[in-house]
Amino acid sequence: MLKHRGFPGRLPGTDFQFTIRRPNKKGITPLTARERFADRRPADRKADVGFMMALWFQFGDEPFERGNLDAGRLAWMFGREVIPAEDPFDSESYGALLRIDERRARAAFPEAFEEESA
């Protein structure tokens, strides 16, 4: 499992996890799309923005390996702002390649890209 050096482990000042420390011994958690409802708590939305900012800062529009990125956090964006970068895609592989759909990510999380335009 690739460990993304320099990627934040969690949203600062919270328990919202962005990475995992070690592979799951019981099996890899598959990536599945989770529905984001409009009534999500502000803290959850802040975690989504922080995670997207970290993804964009670390990888930009280049494909990246799933590695030690938290499956639960990725699931909130998978299939929308974060999409498979390979075909066929293995949702149960730490080596699976993903990429950011920049157009959809900027529409969903404009605040994650504000520093870039300033």
Protein backbone atom coordinates (compact mmCIF):
# COMPACT_ATOMS: atom_id res chain seq x y z
CA MET A 1 0.00 0.00 0.00
CA LEU A 2 1.44 3.32 -1.10
CA LYS A 3 1.60 5.92 1.67
CA HIS A 4 1.10 9.42 0.30
CA ARG A 5 3.86 11.38 2.01
CA GLY A 6 2.91 14.93 2.87
CA PHE A 7 -0.83 14.24 2.65
CA PRO A 8 -2.65 15.35 5.83
CA GLY A 9 -3.80 12.46 8.01
CA ARG A 10 -6.94 14.28 9.11
CA LEU A 11 -8.71 17.61 9.00
CA PRO A 12 -6.76 19.80 11.46
CA GLY A 13 -8.47 20.15 14.83
CA THR A 14 -10.98 17.35 14.17
CA ASP A 15 -11.27 13.57 14.10
CA PHE A 16 -12.19 13.50 10.40
CA GLN A 17 -9.70 10.98 8.99
CA PHE A 18 -8.12 11.42 5.53
CA THR A 19 -5.63 8.52 5.52
CA ILE A 20 -5.21 5.10 7.08
CA ARG A 21 -2.05 3.91 8.82
CA ARG A 22 -1.91 0.31 7.65
CA PRO A 23 -3.74 -2.07 5.29
CA ASN A 24 -6.90 -3.73 6.57
CA LYS A 25 -6.09 -7.33 7.56
CA LYS A 26 -9.66 -8.49 6.90
CA GLY A 27 -9.65 -7.22 3.33
CA ILE A 28 -9.60 -3.96 1.46
CA THR A 29 -12.67 -1.76 1.86
CA PRO A 30 -14.18 -1.40 -1.61
CA LEU A 31 -14.77 2.09 -2.97
CA THR A 32 -18.48 2.72 -3.44
CA ALA A 33 -20.25 6.01 -4.05
CA ARG A 34 -22.08 7.42 -1.02
CA GLU A 35 -24.94 9.86 -1.47
CA ARG A 36 -24.25 13.36 -0.12
CA PHE A 37 -27.47 14.89 1.10
CA ALA A 38 -28.02 18.66 1.25
CA ASP A 39 -28.72 18.52 5.00
CA ARG A 40 -25.27 17.22 5.96
CA ARG A 41 -23.77 18.76 9.08
CA PRO A 42 -21.50 21.78 8.55
CA ALA A 43 -18.57 19.85 10.04
CA ASP A 44 -19.02 17.07 7.46
CA ARG A 45 -19.12 19.60 4.63
CA LYS A 46 -15.97 21.26 6.00
CA ALA A 47 -14.23 17.86 6.02
CA ASP A 48 -15.24 17.31 2.37
CA VAL A 49 -13.82 20.70 1.38
CA GLY A 50 -10.60 20.04 3.31
CA PHE A 51 -10.19 16.62 1.71
CA MET A 52 -10.74 18.02 -1.79
CA MET A 53 -8.23 20.81 -1.10
CA ALA A 54 -5.66 18.23 0.00
CA LEU A 55 -6.33 16.03 -3.04
CA TRP A 56 -6.01 18.97 -5.44
CA PHE A 57 -2.87 20.32 -3.76
CA GLN A 58 -1.21 16.88 -3.75
CA PHE A 59 -2.29 15.53 -7.17
CA GLY A 60 -3.92 18.27 -9.27
CA ASP A 61 -5.42 16.85 -12.45
CA GLU A 62 -2.98 13.91 -12.60
CA PRO A 63 -4.05 10.31 -11.89
CA PHE A 64 -3.16 9.07 -8.41
CA GLU A 65 -3.03 5.77 -6.61
CA ARG A 66 -5.64 5.09 -3.93
CA GLY A 67 -2.91 3.97 -1.53
CA ASN A 68 -3.55 4.92 2.08
CA LEU A 69 -6.38 7.37 1.36
CA ASP A 70 -9.38 6.64 3.57
CA ALA A 71 -12.10 4.70 1.69
CA GLY A 72 -14.86 6.27 3.76
CA ARG A 73 -13.75 9.81 2.94
CA LEU A 74 -13.21 8.94 -0.74
CA ALA A 75 -16.68 7.36 -0.92
CA TRP A 76 -18.35 10.76 -0.38
CA MET A 77 -16.76 11.94 -3.65
CA PHE A 78 -16.34 8.71 -5.61
CA GLY A 79 -18.21 8.60 -8.90
CA ARG A 80 -18.65 12.37 -8.93
CA GLU A 81 -15.62 14.54 -8.12
CA VAL A 82 -13.20 11.60 -7.85
CA ILE A 83 -13.47 9.08 -10.68
CA PRO A 84 -11.61 5.97 -11.84
CA ALA A 85 -8.57 6.71 -14.00
CA GLU A 86 -8.32 3.21 -15.43
CA ASP A 87 -10.54 0.68 -17.11
CA PRO A 88 -11.20 -1.89 -15.76
CA PHE A 89 -11.26 -0.35 -12.28
CA ASP A 90 -10.68 -2.54 -9.22
CA SER A 91 -12.53 -0.93 -6.31
CA GLU A 92 -10.82 -3.31 -3.87
CA SER A 93 -7.21 -2.46 -4.71
CA TYR A 94 -4.88 -0.06 -2.93
CA GLY A 95 -3.13 0.30 -6.31
CA ALA A 96 -6.28 1.47 -8.13
CA LEU A 97 -5.81 4.71 -10.06
CA LEU A 98 -8.16 7.63 -9.48
CA ARG A 99 -8.32 11.20 -10.72
CA ILE A 100 -10.20 14.38 -9.89
CA ASP A 101 -12.93 15.45 -12.31
CA GLU A 102 -11.89 19.08 -12.12
CA ARG A 103 -15.08 20.53 -13.61
CA ARG A 104 -17.33 18.70 -11.14
CA ALA A 105 -14.98 19.30 -8.20
CA ARG A 106 -14.87 23.06 -8.82
CA ALA A 107 -18.69 23.15 -9.08
CA ALA A 108 -19.21 21.12 -5.88
CA PHE A 109 -16.40 22.64 -3.79
CA PRO A 110 -15.59 26.14 -5.10
CA GLU A 111 -14.03 27.09 -1.74
CA ALA A 112 -11.44 24.32 -2.18
CA PHE A 113 -10.07 26.16 -5.22
CA GLU A 114 -10.30 29.77 -3.95
CA GLU A 115 -6.65 30.09 -2.89
CA GLU A 116 -5.57 29.01 -6.35
CA SER A 117 -7.43 31.85 -8.08
CA ALA A 118 -6.27 34.54 -5.61
